[in-house]
């Protein structure tokens, strides 16, 4: 996030906000999801823990469009079909809000959690969780800063609920956009002159050095 970017007030981005997609929007999302799935499979990107990756990609596209609609912003990257990679630095999230890069996560489970399987933040500042509640209805459950979600104590299988480990946050830990921006401003105030992306690249190597040193201390 550029430090000079003015963060606007977005009162619609509150927890439990509902969004409805039109038939045309659902059809567009289905086309995008299926096309992304085909591109990913063609590039050799697979997820053995997911039975129906095609449906996952469709629901993901629906959630992205629903979030953009709630924000009243045009989803610039929505039509990009090629696979993105946080590890390679090619995934900057799904929507840019006032210079803040937001990665939208989705689930069909009413009590679903915010999950991220990658430790790489790339250019992502903020995660958002969207629940698909019905055929055309979606609900924003809240946000969490990327630097807050990607933390050692959040990595695991959520007490055996997950097939593979991920960084996890429960719904009651999420907060509205206003709170997220207040947290973001505090971070930028503590580290003047740094954007969140720069800060993430500085903090994560230190985090992994600590993990490696701790592992060696246990072995000695």
Protein backbone atom coordinates (compact mmCIF):
# COMPACT_ATOMS: atom_id res chain seq x y z
CA UNK A 1 0.00 0.00 0.00
CA UNK A 2 1.44 3.43 -0.93
CA UNK A 3 1.97 5.40 2.27
CA UNK A 4 0.61 8.57 0.66
CA UNK A 5 -2.64 6.93 -0.41
CA UNK A 6 -5.71 8.38 1.32
CA UNK A 7 -7.82 5.66 2.93
CA UNK A 8 -11.49 6.37 2.30
CA UNK A 9 -14.38 5.59 4.63
CA UNK A 10 -16.38 2.64 3.30
CA UNK A 11 -19.33 2.21 5.71
CA UNK A 12 -20.83 -0.61 3.61
CA UNK A 13 -17.91 -2.91 4.44
CA UNK A 14 -19.23 -4.14 7.78
CA UNK A 15 -19.44 -7.68 9.10
CA UNK A 16 -22.47 -9.67 7.91
CA UNK A 17 -23.17 -7.33 4.98
CA UNK A 18 -25.25 -9.14 2.32
CA UNK A 19 -24.67 -9.06 -1.45
CA UNK A 20 -26.92 -10.42 -4.19
CA UNK A 21 -25.62 -11.26 -7.66
CA UNK A 22 -27.83 -11.10 -10.74
CA UNK A 23 -28.27 -14.05 -13.12
CA UNK A 24 -25.89 -12.38 -15.58
CA UNK A 25 -23.28 -11.88 -12.87
CA UNK A 26 -23.57 -15.53 -11.81
CA UNK A 27 -23.16 -16.70 -15.40
CA UNK A 28 -20.11 -14.48 -15.84
CA UNK A 29 -18.60 -15.82 -12.62
CA UNK A 30 -19.24 -19.42 -13.75
CA UNK A 31 -17.45 -18.75 -17.05
CA UNK A 32 -14.50 -17.12 -15.26
CA UNK A 33 -14.28 -19.94 -12.69
CA UNK A 34 -14.39 -22.70 -15.29
CA UNK A 35 -11.82 -20.91 -17.46
CA UNK A 36 -9.46 -20.41 -14.51
CA UNK A 37 -9.83 -24.07 -13.57
CA UNK A 38 -8.96 -25.16 -17.11
CA UNK A 39 -5.92 -22.85 -17.18
CA UNK A 40 -4.70 -24.11 -13.80
CA UNK A 41 -5.07 -27.76 -14.74
CA UNK A 42 -3.29 -27.06 -18.02
CA UNK A 43 -0.43 -25.47 -16.09
CA UNK A 44 -0.20 -28.52 -13.82
CA UNK A 45 -1.65 -26.81 -10.76
CA UNK A 46 -3.61 -29.34 -8.70
CA UNK A 47 -5.00 -29.56 -5.18
CA UNK A 48 -5.33 -33.18 -4.08
CA UNK A 49 -7.26 -32.17 -0.94
CA UNK A 50 -10.16 -30.75 -3.00
CA UNK A 51 -12.60 -33.13 -4.70
CA UNK A 52 -14.21 -30.63 -7.09
CA UNK A 53 -11.73 -27.90 -8.01
CA UNK A 54 -14.02 -26.67 -10.79
CA UNK A 55 -16.79 -25.76 -8.33
CA UNK A 56 -14.26 -24.21 -5.94
CA UNK A 57 -13.01 -21.93 -8.71
CA UNK A 58 -16.57 -20.94 -9.67
CA UNK A 59 -17.53 -20.09 -6.08
CA UNK A 60 -14.28 -18.19 -5.70
CA UNK A 61 -15.05 -16.09 -8.78
CA UNK A 62 -18.59 -15.43 -7.51
CA UNK A 63 -17.22 -14.22 -4.17
CA UNK A 64 -14.70 -11.92 -5.87
CA UNK A 65 -17.43 -10.32 -7.97
CA UNK A 66 -19.78 -10.06 -4.97
CA UNK A 67 -17.08 -8.30 -2.94
CA UNK A 68 -16.31 -5.88 -5.79
CA UNK A 69 -20.03 -5.16 -6.11
CA UNK A 70 -20.28 -4.42 -2.39
CA UNK A 71 -17.30 -2.06 -2.69
CA UNK A 72 -18.83 -0.44 -5.78
CA UNK A 73 -15.51 -0.93 -7.60
CA UNK A 74 -14.70 -2.43 -10.99
CA UNK A 75 -12.79 -5.74 -10.51
CA UNK A 76 -9.82 -4.94 -12.76
CA UNK A 77 -8.15 -8.36 -12.43
CA UNK A 78 -11.37 -10.40 -12.52
CA UNK A 79 -11.00 -11.29 -16.20
CA UNK A 80 -7.39 -12.49 -15.82
CA UNK A 81 -7.64 -16.26 -16.23
CA UNK A 82 -4.05 -17.42 -15.75
CA UNK A 83 -2.94 -18.92 -12.40
CA UNK A 84 -1.38 -16.56 -9.87
CA UNK A 85 1.26 -17.48 -7.30
CA UNK A 86 1.91 -15.79 -3.95
CA UNK A 87 5.27 -17.60 -3.76
CA UNK A 88 6.35 -16.14 -7.11
CA UNK A 89 5.04 -12.69 -6.24
CA UNK A 90 2.40 -12.71 -9.00
CA UNK A 91 -0.65 -12.70 -6.70
CA UNK A 92 -1.55 -9.25 -5.37
CA UNK A 93 -5.01 -10.23 -4.25
CA UNK A 94 -8.40 -9.82 -5.93
CA UNK A 95 -9.28 -6.16 -5.50
CA UNK A 96 -7.42 -2.92 -4.81
CA UNK A 97 -9.31 -0.60 -2.45
CA UNK A 98 -7.71 2.83 -2.08
CA UNK A 99 -4.27 1.25 -2.53
CA UNK A 100 -5.03 -1.66 -0.17
CA UNK A 101 -4.70 -5.07 -1.86
CA UNK A 102 -7.46 -7.42 -0.66
CA UNK A 103 -7.46 -11.20 -1.16
CA UNK A 104 -11.00 -12.63 -1.02
CA UNK A 105 -11.49 -16.08 0.52
CA UNK A 106 -14.78 -17.92 0.36
CA UNK A 107 -16.63 -20.95 1.67
CA UNK A 108 -20.13 -22.42 1.57
CA UNK A 109 -20.01 -23.40 5.26
CA UNK A 110 -22.02 -21.08 7.53
CA UNK A 111 -19.35 -21.27 10.24
CA UNK A 112 -16.45 -21.51 7.79
CA UNK A 113 -13.07 -20.08 8.71
CA UNK A 114 -10.69 -17.70 6.97
CA UNK A 115 -7.94 -19.92 5.53
CA UNK A 116 -4.67 -19.29 3.72
CA UNK A 117 -2.38 -22.16 2.77
CA UNK A 118 0.58 -20.01 1.67
CA UNK A 119 3.06 -18.28 3.96
CA UNK A 120 3.89 -15.84 1.15
CA UNK A 121 2.06 -12.52 1.33
CA UNK A 122 3.20 -11.25 -2.09
CA UNK A 123 1.50 -7.85 -2.34
CA UNK A 124 -1.54 -8.72 -0.22
CA UNK A 125 -2.40 -6.34 2.64
CA UNK A 126 -5.77 -7.66 3.77
CA UNK A 127 -7.85 -10.85 3.67
CA UNK A 128 -11.65 -10.86 3.44
CA UNK A 129 -13.98 -13.81 4.09
CA UNK A 130 -17.15 -14.21 2.03
CA UNK A 131 -19.78 -16.89 2.76
CA UNK A 132 -22.01 -18.18 -0.04
CA UNK A 133 -25.39 -18.41 1.68
CA UNK A 134 -27.62 -19.24 -1.28
CA UNK A 135 -27.70 -19.55 -5.04
CA UNK A 136 -27.25 -15.79 -5.52
CA UNK A 137 -26.65 -14.51 -1.98
CA UNK A 138 -23.29 -13.84 -0.32
CA UNK A 139 -22.26 -12.43 3.04
CA UNK A 140 -19.13 -10.58 4.09
CA UNK A 141 -18.00 -12.00 7.44
CA UNK A 142 -15.09 -9.63 7.98
CA UNK A 143 -11.42 -8.86 7.44
CA UNK A 144 -7.99 -9.61 8.87
CA UNK A 145 -4.63 -8.02 8.10
CA UNK A 146 -2.35 -10.34 6.13
CA UNK A 147 0.47 -9.86 8.64
CA UNK A 148 -1.92 -10.89 11.42
CA UNK A 149 -3.23 -14.03 9.69
CA UNK A 150 0.15 -15.35 8.53
CA UNK A 151 1.48 -16.07 12.01
CA UNK A 152 3.04 -19.19 13.53
CA UNK A 153 0.34 -19.69 16.16
CA UNK A 154 -2.37 -19.70 13.46
CA UNK A 155 -0.84 -22.49 11.38
CA UNK A 156 -2.38 -25.95 11.76
CA UNK A 157 -5.34 -28.20 10.96
CA UNK A 158 -7.89 -26.35 13.11
CA UNK A 159 -8.23 -29.19 15.63
CA UNK A 160 -8.44 -31.81 12.87
CA UNK A 161 -11.07 -30.00 10.79
CA UNK A 162 -8.72 -29.43 7.84
CA UNK A 163 -7.24 -32.05 5.50
CA UNK A 164 -4.03 -30.06 5.23
CA UNK A 165 -2.55 -27.36 7.48
CA UNK A 166 -3.28 -23.69 6.83
CA UNK A 167 -3.22 -20.32 8.53
CA UNK A 168 -6.60 -20.10 10.25
CA UNK A 169 -8.84 -17.41 11.72
CA UNK A 170 -12.33 -18.01 13.10
CA UNK A 171 -15.20 -15.70 12.20
CA UNK A 172 -15.37 -14.14 15.65
CA UNK A 173 -11.76 -12.98 15.19
CA UNK A 174 -12.57 -10.99 12.05
CA UNK A 175 -13.43 -7.30 12.03
CA UNK A 176 -14.96 -4.62 9.80
CA UNK A 177 -13.06 -2.59 7.21
CA UNK A 178 -12.91 0.48 9.47
CA UNK A 179 -11.14 -1.51 12.19
CA UNK A 180 -8.79 -3.05 9.61
CA UNK A 181 -7.81 0.42 8.41
CA UNK A 182 -7.22 1.59 11.98
CA UNK A 183 -4.87 -1.36 12.52
CA UNK A 184 -3.16 -0.64 9.20
CA UNK A 185 -2.63 3.02 10.07
CA UNK A 186 -1.00 2.03 13.38
CA UNK A 187 1.45 -0.24 11.55
CA UNK A 188 2.34 2.46 9.02
CA UNK A 189 2.73 4.97 11.86
CA UNK A 190 5.20 2.66 13.62
CA UNK A 191 7.11 2.10 10.38
CA UNK A 192 6.97 5.48 8.54
CA UNK A 193 8.05 5.37 4.91
CA UNK A 194 7.22 1.69 4.51
CA UNK A 195 4.29 0.23 2.61
CA UNK A 196 2.74 -3.00 3.92
CA UNK A 197 4.32 -5.01 1.12
CA UNK A 198 7.79 -3.79 2.08
CA UNK A 199 7.02 -4.42 5.74
CA UNK A 200 5.90 -7.98 5.00
CA UNK A 201 9.11 -8.78 3.16
CA UNK A 202 11.09 -7.46 6.14
CA UNK A 203 9.11 -9.27 8.83
CA UNK A 204 8.67 -12.73 7.26
CA UNK A 205 12.41 -13.53 6.86
CA UNK A 206 12.91 -12.68 10.55
CA UNK A 207 9.98 -14.95 11.44
CA UNK A 208 11.47 -17.92 9.57
CA UNK A 209 14.94 -17.32 11.04
CA UNK A 210 13.38 -17.59 14.50
CA UNK A 211 11.65 -20.86 13.53
CA UNK A 212 14.89 -22.35 12.16
CA UNK A 213 16.92 -21.32 15.22
CA UNK A 214 14.25 -22.77 17.52
CA UNK A 215 14.39 -26.08 15.64
CA UNK A 216 18.17 -26.27 16.00
CA UNK A 217 17.96 -25.47 19.72
CA UNK A 218 15.56 -28.40 20.22
CA UNK A 219 17.95 -30.75 18.43
CA UNK A 220 21.00 -29.67 20.45
